[in-house]
């Protein structure tokens, strides 16, 4: 059975293009993978705490020396990592905020990036430990960043690819929804193009 994890993060709620498209993607992915399960996490609706001194200390302690307070501090991180470890396919939806990812999604990343758990240092350098999973990024943009003068200002896609790749999620497909701030017609075309991309990705799984 294939386990699918959907992570949404937009502060725009039901109006979010990234969330809308990612939810449709999750449904189509389930249809393409009979018997699959779907776990959803909205880190905007259910926000995670920012990194704290207690959490940092707990992470750095050897597991057999952790107190009850340490385990409580690690609860969110442990749960999020368990979701990722059990997932075969991960869909992450993000809408650009001030040229980067939403702060709610950054907190999620901070909780899942743990040395010795999701990555490790060795004689050959860093090794990501979340290998063998398919990652789909559904990314929305108000302007057009794929080319042109704004391309250098896209810190959303490069950040997610680099950071999640560092953790071992290197098999990546990207679905973009660009130019949604340029009016309803442009937004409609962008969503339609994203849906076509999703259809192509899921059709390939059925064949």
Foldseek 3Di string as FASTA:
>chain_A
DAEEEEEEEDPVPPVDLLVVLSVVLVVLLCVLPDPYHYDYHYCNVVPDDADDPLQVVLLPDDPVPDDPSSCVSLVVLVVLQVSLLRHQEYEYGFEDDQQAGDPRVVRSLVSPDGEPRLWHQDPVGIDADSANHEYEYEYEYQADQPDDDNVVSRHYVVVVQVSVVSNHNNRYDYQYQHNCNVDDVSNVVSSVSSVVVSVVVSVVSND
